[in-house]
Amino acid sequence: MKDCEYQQISPGAAPPPTSPGARRLGPAAPPGPGPGPPPLAAAPRWSGSGSESIGRRPRRKWEVFPGRNRFYCGGRLMLAGHGGVFALTLLLILTTTVLFFVFDCPFLARELTLAIPIIAAILFFFVMSCLLQTSFTDPGILPRATVCEAAALEKQIDNTGSSTYRPPPRTREVMINGQMVKLKYCFTCKMFRPPRTSHCSVCDNCVERFDHHCPWVGNCVGRRNYRFFYAFILSLSFLTTFIFACVVTHLTLRSQGSNFLSTLKETPASVLELVICFFSIWSILGLSGFHTYLVASNLTTNEDIKGSWSSKRGGEASVNPYSHKSVITNCCAVLCSPLPPSLIDRRGFVQSDTVLPSPIRTDEPACGAKPDASMVGGHP
């Protein structure tokens, strides 16, 4: 498993090697051919889903990914399992904007200024760009532990148990900026979650700096796509407000010298735009204001709802160890910090099940031989 912010399994947790004095019982093994390339019988075999076959094409990791995500364009794009609400989001934005350009912009550009369609086009392309980046970007999924990593961690946990009738502890404590933070064990991913990581029940993945799962964008919102999500809702609030104001202006100008109701009957497309914008602008503006507060405080939606650093649970309020005590510094840390690379390597190939010679018999499983699911962090 690739390195994360928090090293969960220490190198010393691996099974100890067999002592040099230990000998295998039974007849001696025939002498090997010595150093050199392995024979053809021991060549790597590419494993398929549930069966092994020699000569099959190597599978990529996104094809056997254990989560509930969908992949497109050869694993380059990923989305949550249920994309119906995301399609509705695209439909609402595209419908409202196309109607605005077709039925309102010609009149406003002729009567007022040509800057109105230009501003609307810039906002529209920015909204769609941020939405697609939020939806098709890896939010910060952590790969699941392999069989050997999970076994070593379970052995380490069992050794910390103080008695036989007590279950071993499934939490750990680390110090972050003078504040004690508990790390919870994920029974699905078989690891202690790094700080600010949570397991999404919809996508079935552990996500770094998990904020929430947003069905409107069809993806989890985490460390790698939060800035795109924030830019999307902020630009969408500007676009919705702009279209709403322009449609009201259009109807007001057309109704001068005539009946307002007759004007509404003549422009049904503008009325539809007005209704969509009116019922969506309040939630979008409220969501933008809420996430602006979270960015300024360096909080996540998950932490705010659970009251991790407040007295919402009835206990003593603790200080947020991730806050830099400055609004500007918090905004820069959340929105302008370097984007970390993806850890799941969904375009990489599944490793081969290589048969390795073992001159000494041990009771521990060989870490070189892994089942198919373990290549991308599946269940052991």
Protein backbone atom coordinates (compact mmCIF):
# COMPACT_ATOMS: atom_id res chain seq x y z
CA MET A 1 0.00 0.00 0.00
CA LYS A 2 1.31 3.42 -0.88
CA ASP A 3 2.48 5.82 1.76
CA CYS A 4 -0.07 8.28 3.11
CA GLU A 5 0.14 11.16 5.54
CA TYR A 6 0.04 8.72 8.42
CA GLN A 7 2.15 5.57 8.44
CA GLN A 8 -0.22 2.97 9.80
CA ILE A 9 1.94 -0.20 9.77
CA SER A 10 5.46 0.02 11.06
CA PRO A 11 8.16 -1.94 9.27
CA GLY A 12 8.72 -3.98 12.44
CA ALA A 13 5.19 -5.35 12.30
CA ALA A 14 6.03 -7.78 9.47
CA PRO A 15 6.44 -11.47 10.41
CA PRO A 16 9.98 -12.16 11.72
CA PRO A 17 12.26 -14.14 9.42
CA THR A 18 13.07 -17.72 10.29
CA SER A 19 16.31 -18.17 12.20
CA PRO A 20 19.32 -19.40 10.24
CA GLY A 21 19.59 -22.50 12.46
CA ALA A 22 16.12 -23.76 11.64
CA ARG A 23 16.10 -26.75 9.30
CA ARG A 24 13.30 -28.31 7.37
CA LEU A 25 12.36 -31.84 8.26
CA GLY A 26 12.18 -34.46 5.54
CA PRO A 27 14.31 -35.20 2.50
CA ALA A 28 16.58 -32.53 1.20
CA ALA A 29 15.40 -30.50 -1.74
CA PRO A 30 17.14 -31.09 -5.08
CA PRO A 31 19.80 -28.56 -5.94
CA GLY A 32 18.44 -25.61 -7.87
CA PRO A 33 19.80 -24.35 -11.15
CA GLY A 34 21.50 -21.44 -9.39
CA PRO A 35 21.03 -17.75 -10.05
CA GLY A 36 19.48 -16.83 -13.33
CA PRO A 37 16.11 -16.37 -14.96
CA PRO A 38 13.30 -18.58 -13.61
CA PRO A 39 12.25 -21.59 -15.67
CA LEU A 40 9.24 -21.45 -17.91
CA ALA A 41 7.14 -23.39 -15.40
CA ALA A 42 7.59 -20.62 -12.85
CA ALA A 43 6.68 -17.80 -15.22
CA PRO A 44 4.26 -15.16 -13.94
CA ARG A 45 0.60 -15.95 -14.46
CA TRP A 46 -1.87 -13.13 -14.93
CA SER A 47 -4.87 -13.68 -12.74
CA GLY A 48 -8.43 -13.02 -13.79
CA SER A 49 -11.49 -12.50 -11.65
CA GLY A 50 -11.80 -15.72 -9.64
CA SER A 51 -9.70 -17.91 -12.01
CA GLU A 52 -6.17 -18.05 -13.32
CA SER A 53 -5.21 -18.54 -16.93
CA ILE A 54 -1.84 -18.41 -18.62
CA GLY A 55 -1.53 -16.05 -21.54
CA ARG A 56 -4.48 -13.82 -20.71
CA ARG A 57 -4.01 -10.08 -21.10
CA PRO A 58 -2.95 -8.30 -17.89
CA ARG A 59 -5.86 -6.65 -16.12
CA ARG A 60 -5.73 -3.11 -14.83
CA LYS A 61 -6.51 -2.25 -11.24
CA TRP A 62 -9.67 -0.31 -12.04
CA GLU A 63 -11.18 -3.50 -13.49
CA VAL A 64 -10.99 -5.27 -10.11
CA PHE A 65 -11.45 -2.21 -7.90
CA PRO A 66 -13.20 -3.28 -4.66
CA GLY A 67 -15.24 -0.09 -4.16
CA ARG A 68 -18.62 0.77 -5.69
CA ASN A 69 -17.26 3.23 -8.25
CA ARG A 70 -17.71 3.24 -12.01
CA PHE A 71 -14.79 3.87 -14.34
CA TYR A 72 -14.75 5.33 -17.85
CA CYS A 73 -12.16 5.92 -20.59
CA GLY A 74 -9.98 3.04 -19.47
CA GLY A 75 -10.00 4.03 -15.81
CA ARG A 76 -9.05 7.66 -16.42
CA LEU A 77 -12.42 8.92 -15.15
CA MET A 78 -14.30 7.64 -12.13
CA LEU A 79 -17.79 8.25 -10.73
CA ALA A 80 -19.90 6.94 -7.89
CA GLY A 81 -22.07 3.89 -8.46
CA HIS A 82 -25.35 5.83 -8.73
CA GLY A 83 -25.18 8.66 -11.25
CA GLY A 84 -28.87 9.51 -11.62
CA VAL A 85 -28.76 12.63 -9.44
CA PHE A 86 -25.56 13.76 -11.18
CA ALA A 87 -27.36 13.46 -14.54
CA LEU A 88 -30.19 15.58 -13.10
CA THR A 89 -27.65 18.25 -12.08
CA LEU A 90 -26.24 18.36 -15.61
CA LEU A 91 -29.75 18.50 -17.08
CA LEU A 92 -30.83 21.43 -14.90
CA ILE A 93 -27.70 23.48 -15.58
CA LEU A 94 -27.67 22.81 -19.31
CA THR A 95 -31.41 23.38 -19.75
CA THR A 96 -31.47 26.67 -17.87
CA THR A 97 -28.37 28.03 -19.59
CA VAL A 98 -29.40 26.99 -23.12
CA LEU A 99 -32.84 28.54 -22.68
CA PHE A 100 -31.21 31.72 -21.40
CA PHE A 101 -28.88 31.98 -24.40
CA VAL A 102 -31.64 31.25 -26.91
CA PHE A 103 -34.57 33.29 -25.59
CA ASP A 104 -33.13 36.03 -23.33
CA CYS A 105 -29.61 36.90 -24.49
CA PRO A 106 -30.57 38.20 -27.98
CA PHE A 107 -33.03 40.71 -26.52
CA LEU A 108 -30.72 41.80 -23.68
CA ALA A 109 -27.69 42.13 -25.98
CA ARG A 110 -29.70 44.26 -28.40
CA GLU A 111 -31.44 46.44 -25.81
CA LEU A 112 -28.73 46.69 -23.12
CA THR A 113 -25.19 45.46 -23.76
CA LEU A 114 -23.26 42.67 -25.44
CA ALA A 115 -21.43 41.99 -22.17
CA ILE A 116 -24.40 40.01 -20.79
CA PRO A 117 -23.99 36.91 -23.01
CA ILE A 118 -20.19 37.12 -22.66
CA ILE A 119 -20.35 37.10 -18.85
CA ALA A 120 -22.92 34.29 -18.90
CA ALA A 121 -20.72 32.20 -21.21
CA ILE A 122 -17.65 32.65 -18.99
CA LEU A 123 -19.61 31.67 -15.87
CA PHE A 124 -21.18 28.68 -17.62
CA PHE A 125 -17.87 27.22 -18.82
CA PHE A 126 -16.31 27.75 -15.40
CA VAL A 127 -19.25 25.99 -13.70
CA MET A 128 -19.12 23.02 -16.06
CA SER A 129 -15.34 22.74 -15.76
CA CYS A 130 -15.45 22.67 -11.95
CA LEU A 131 -18.39 20.25 -11.93
CA LEU A 132 -16.69 17.72 -14.21
CA GLN A 133 -13.42 17.94 -12.27
CA THR A 134 -15.29 17.34 -9.02
CA SER A 135 -17.26 14.41 -10.40
CA PHE A 136 -14.55 12.52 -12.30
CA THR A 137 -11.56 13.10 -9.98
CA ASP A 138 -10.34 10.66 -7.35
CA PRO A 139 -11.44 12.36 -4.11
CA GLY A 140 -8.51 10.90 -2.15
CA ILE A 141 -9.33 7.20 -1.85
CA LEU A 142 -6.91 5.17 0.26
CA PRO A 143 -6.01 1.70 -1.07
CA ARG A 144 -7.06 -1.14 1.17
CA ALA A 145 -4.50 -3.19 3.04
CA THR A 146 -3.08 -6.24 1.32
CA VAL A 147 -3.32 -9.69 2.88
CA CYS A 148 0.14 -9.49 4.45
CA GLU A 149 -0.35 -5.93 5.71
CA ALA A 150 -3.70 -6.82 7.27
CA ALA A 151 -2.28 -9.97 8.87
CA ALA A 152 0.69 -8.06 10.31
CA LEU A 153 -1.59 -5.33 11.67
CA GLU A 154 -4.00 -7.87 13.21
CA LYS A 155 -1.08 -9.61 14.87
CA GLN A 156 0.16 -6.28 16.19
CA ILE A 157 -3.31 -5.47 17.55
CA ASP A 158 -3.65 -8.87 19.23
CA ASN A 159 -0.32 -8.41 20.99
CA THR A 160 -1.59 -5.20 22.62
CA GLY A 161 -4.51 -6.97 24.34
CA SER A 162 -4.12 -7.05 28.12
CA SER A 163 -6.26 -10.16 28.79
CA THR A 164 -8.03 -12.99 27.04
CA TYR A 165 -11.59 -11.90 27.80
CA ARG A 166 -11.10 -8.31 26.60
CA PRO A 167 -11.20 -7.46 22.89
CA PRO A 168 -8.02 -5.83 21.61
CA PRO A 169 -8.19 -2.03 21.22
CA ARG A 170 -9.37 -0.75 17.86
CA THR A 171 -8.35 2.88 18.30
CA ARG A 172 -5.03 4.67 18.46
CA GLU A 173 -4.11 8.13 19.62
CA VAL A 174 -1.71 10.51 17.92
CA MET A 175 -0.67 14.03 18.86
CA ILE A 176 -1.38 16.74 16.26
CA ASN A 177 -0.38 20.31 17.14
CA GLY A 178 -0.74 19.59 20.84
CA GLN A 179 -4.18 18.01 20.44
CA MET A 180 -4.87 14.31 20.99
CA VAL A 181 -6.62 12.78 17.96
CA LYS A 182 -8.08 9.27 17.87
CA LEU A 183 -7.53 7.04 14.86
CA LYS A 184 -10.31 4.50 14.28
CA TYR A 185 -9.83 1.09 12.76
CA CYS A 186 -11.65 0.41 9.47
CA PHE A 187 -12.86 -3.20 9.37
CA THR A 188 -13.49 -2.97 5.61
CA CYS A 189 -10.12 -1.53 4.54
CA LYS A 190 -8.23 -3.35 7.35
CA MET A 191 -6.25 -0.34 8.54
CA PHE A 192 -6.24 2.49 11.04
CA ARG A 193 -7.65 5.50 9.26
CA PRO A 194 -5.28 8.47 9.00
CA PRO A 195 -6.43 11.74 10.61
CA ARG A 196 -9.56 13.31 9.04
CA THR A 197 -10.22 10.12 7.05
CA SER A 198 -13.63 8.48 7.03
CA HIS A 199 -15.20 5.52 5.25
CA CYS A 200 -17.95 6.44 2.79
CA SER A 201 -20.81 3.94 3.03
CA VAL A 202 -22.06 4.84 -0.47
CA CYS A 203 -18.79 4.34 -2.38
CA ASP A 204 -17.34 1.84 0.15
CA ASN A 205 -13.96 3.60 0.29
CA CYS A 206 -11.85 5.34 2.91
CA VAL A 207 -11.35 8.93 1.73
CA GLU A 208 -8.68 11.34 2.96
CA ARG A 209 -10.03 14.55 4.50
CA PHE A 210 -13.52 13.24 3.90
CA ASP A 211 -16.02 16.08 3.69
CA HIS A 212 -19.23 14.36 2.55
CA HIS A 213 -20.71 12.27 -0.23
CA CYS A 214 -22.53 14.57 -2.64
CA PRO A 215 -25.04 12.81 -4.95
CA TRP A 216 -25.48 16.06 -6.93
CA VAL A 217 -21.91 15.78 -8.23
CA GLY A 218 -21.93 11.97 -8.22
CA ASN A 219 -18.81 11.57 -6.10
CA CYS A 220 -17.33 11.85 -2.64
CA VAL A 221 -15.85 15.21 -1.72
CA GLY A 222 -12.43 14.80 -0.17
CA ARG A 223 -8.89 16.05 -0.13
CA ARG A 224 -8.24 15.87 -3.88
CA ASN A 225 -11.46 17.42 -5.22
CA TYR A 226 -12.73 19.72 -2.45
CA ARG A 227 -11.30 22.86 -4.09
CA PHE A 228 -13.11 21.99 -7.33
CA PHE A 229 -16.35 21.39 -5.41
CA TYR A 230 -16.06 24.72 -3.60
CA ALA A 231 -15.32 26.54 -6.87
CA PHE A 232 -18.30 24.78 -8.47
CA ILE A 233 -20.90 25.81 -5.88
CA LEU A 234 -19.46 29.33 -5.67
CA SER A 235 -19.53 29.87 -9.45
CA LEU A 236 -22.94 28.20 -9.70
CA SER A 237 -24.34 30.67 -7.16
CA PHE A 238 -23.01 33.55 -9.31
CA LEU A 239 -24.42 32.02 -12.50
CA THR A 240 -27.85 31.35 -10.97
CA THR A 241 -28.06 34.86 -9.53
CA PHE A 242 -26.93 36.39 -12.83
CA ILE A 243 -29.47 34.46 -14.91
CA PHE A 244 -32.25 35.21 -12.42
CA ALA A 245 -31.51 38.95 -12.51
CA CYS A 246 -31.24 39.00 -16.30
CA VAL A 247 -34.52 37.12 -16.77
CA VAL A 248 -36.33 39.53 -14.43
CA THR A 249 -34.83 42.44 -16.39
CA HIS A 250 -35.90 40.86 -19.68
CA LEU A 251 -39.50 40.38 -18.53
CA THR A 252 -39.65 43.89 -17.07
CA LEU A 253 -38.44 45.54 -20.27
CA ARG A 254 -40.78 43.50 -22.48
CA SER A 255 -43.78 44.27 -20.26
CA GLN A 256 -43.37 48.04 -20.56
CA GLY A 257 -46.44 49.47 -22.29
CA SER A 258 -48.30 46.12 -22.18
CA ASN A 259 -49.81 43.68 -19.72
CA PHE A 260 -47.32 41.71 -17.59
CA LEU A 261 -49.40 38.51 -17.77
CA SER A 262 -49.49 38.65 -21.56
CA THR A 263 -45.70 39.03 -21.53
CA LEU A 264 -45.38 35.89 -19.42
CA LYS A 265 -47.56 34.00 -21.93
CA GLU A 266 -45.37 35.16 -24.79
CA THR A 267 -42.14 34.00 -23.10
CA PRO A 268 -42.75 30.57 -21.50
CA ALA A 269 -39.02 29.72 -21.66
CA SER A 270 -38.15 32.74 -19.52
CA VAL A 271 -40.83 31.75 -17.02
CA LEU A 272 -39.32 28.25 -16.77
CA GLU A 273 -35.87 29.75 -16.17
CA LEU A 274 -37.32 32.03 -13.52
CA VAL A 275 -38.94 29.13 -11.66
CA ILE A 276 -35.79 26.96 -11.74
CA CYS A 277 -33.54 29.78 -10.56
CA PHE A 278 -35.97 30.92 -7.86
CA PHE A 279 -36.23 27.50 -6.21
CA SER A 280 -32.52 26.66 -6.49
CA ILE A 281 -30.85 29.98 -5.68
CA TRP A 282 -31.60 29.80 -1.96
CA SER A 283 -30.07 26.38 -1.41
CA ILE A 284 -27.05 27.17 -3.59
CA LEU A 285 -26.35 30.47 -1.81
CA GLY A 286 -26.78 28.82 1.60
CA LEU A 287 -24.44 25.98 0.63
CA SER A 288 -21.84 28.44 -0.66
CA GLY A 289 -21.98 30.43 2.58
CA PHE A 290 -21.69 27.29 4.71
CA HIS A 291 -18.63 26.01 2.85
CA THR A 292 -17.06 29.46 2.93
CA TYR A 293 -17.29 29.24 6.73
CA LEU A 294 -15.75 25.73 6.63
CA VAL A 295 -12.87 26.89 4.42
CA ALA A 296 -12.16 29.89 6.65
CA SER A 297 -12.14 27.60 9.71
CA ASN A 298 -10.30 24.68 8.03
CA LEU A 299 -13.12 22.31 8.93
CA THR A 300 -14.96 19.59 7.01
CA THR A 301 -18.69 18.98 6.84
CA ASN A 302 -18.15 15.64 8.58
CA GLU A 303 -16.31 17.31 11.48
CA ASP A 304 -18.87 20.10 11.77
CA ILE A 305 -21.85 17.72 11.85
CA LYS A 306 -20.22 15.41 14.38
CA GLY A 307 -19.02 18.36 16.46
CA SER A 308 -15.48 17.03 16.60
CA TRP A 309 -14.01 20.36 17.72
CA SER A 310 -17.00 21.93 19.46
CA SER A 311 -19.31 21.26 22.40
CA LYS A 312 -22.16 19.84 20.26
CA ARG A 313 -21.86 16.47 21.98
CA GLY A 314 -22.30 18.00 25.40
CA GLY A 315 -18.65 17.65 26.33
CA GLU A 316 -15.82 20.13 26.57
CA ALA A 317 -15.03 22.08 23.43
CA SER A 318 -11.59 21.25 22.05
CA VAL A 319 -9.40 23.31 19.75
CA ASN A 320 -9.28 22.41 16.07
CA PRO A 321 -5.68 21.17 15.62
CA TYR A 322 -5.80 21.73 11.85
CA SER A 323 -6.68 25.44 12.01
CA HIS A 324 -3.86 27.93 11.39
CA LYS A 325 -5.58 30.61 13.52
CA SER A 326 -5.90 32.85 10.47
CA VAL A 327 -8.69 33.03 7.90
CA ILE A 328 -6.32 33.80 5.02
CA THR A 329 -3.92 31.01 5.98
CA ASN A 330 -6.77 28.52 6.32
CA CYS A 331 -8.13 29.48 2.89
CA CYS A 332 -4.69 29.10 1.33
CA ALA A 333 -4.15 25.74 3.05
CA VAL A 334 -7.48 24.34 1.85
CA LEU A 335 -7.69 25.83 -1.64
CA CYS A 336 -4.12 26.57 -2.73
CA SER A 337 -2.02 23.76 -1.26
CA PRO A 338 -0.34 21.35 -3.71
CA LEU A 339 -2.71 18.69 -4.99
CA PRO A 340 -1.55 15.27 -3.73
CA PRO A 341 -1.26 12.42 -6.24
CA SER A 342 -3.82 9.65 -6.43
CA LEU A 343 -2.91 6.62 -4.32
CA ILE A 344 -5.06 3.94 -5.93
CA ASP A 345 -3.15 3.81 -9.26
CA ARG A 346 -6.28 2.76 -11.14
CA ARG A 347 -4.46 2.65 -14.49
CA GLY A 348 -1.74 0.36 -13.17
CA PHE A 349 -1.62 -3.35 -13.93
CA VAL A 350 -2.60 -6.03 -11.45
CA GLN A 351 0.54 -7.68 -10.17
CA SER A 352 1.25 -11.26 -11.18
CA ASP A 353 1.01 -14.30 -8.91
CA THR A 354 4.63 -15.35 -9.17
CA VAL A 355 5.57 -18.79 -7.82
CA LEU A 356 8.61 -18.22 -5.60
CA PRO A 357 10.88 -21.11 -4.45
CA SER A 358 10.87 -21.51 -0.65
CA PRO A 359 13.75 -23.62 0.68
CA ILE A 360 12.50 -23.33 4.28
CA ARG A 361 9.00 -24.35 5.38
CA THR A 362 7.33 -21.81 7.66
CA ASP A 363 3.86 -21.42 9.10
CA GLU A 364 3.54 -17.81 7.89
CA PRO A 365 1.97 -17.20 4.46
CA ALA A 366 4.30 -15.98 1.77
CA CYS A 367 3.79 -12.29 1.15
CA GLY A 368 4.76 -12.60 -2.47
CA ALA A 369 1.69 -14.65 -3.37
CA LYS A 370 -1.45 -12.57 -3.20
CA PRO A 371 -5.00 -13.26 -4.31
CA ASP A 372 -6.50 -11.16 -7.07
CA ALA A 373 -8.48 -8.84 -4.81
CA SER A 374 -5.44 -7.90 -2.75
CA MET A 375 -3.74 -6.24 -5.70
CA VAL A 376 -5.93 -3.20 -5.36
CA GLY A 377 -6.67 -3.44 -1.67
CA GLY A 378 -9.56 -5.90 -1.69
CA HIS A 379 -10.73 -8.00 1.19
CA PRO A 380 -8.17 -10.61 2.31
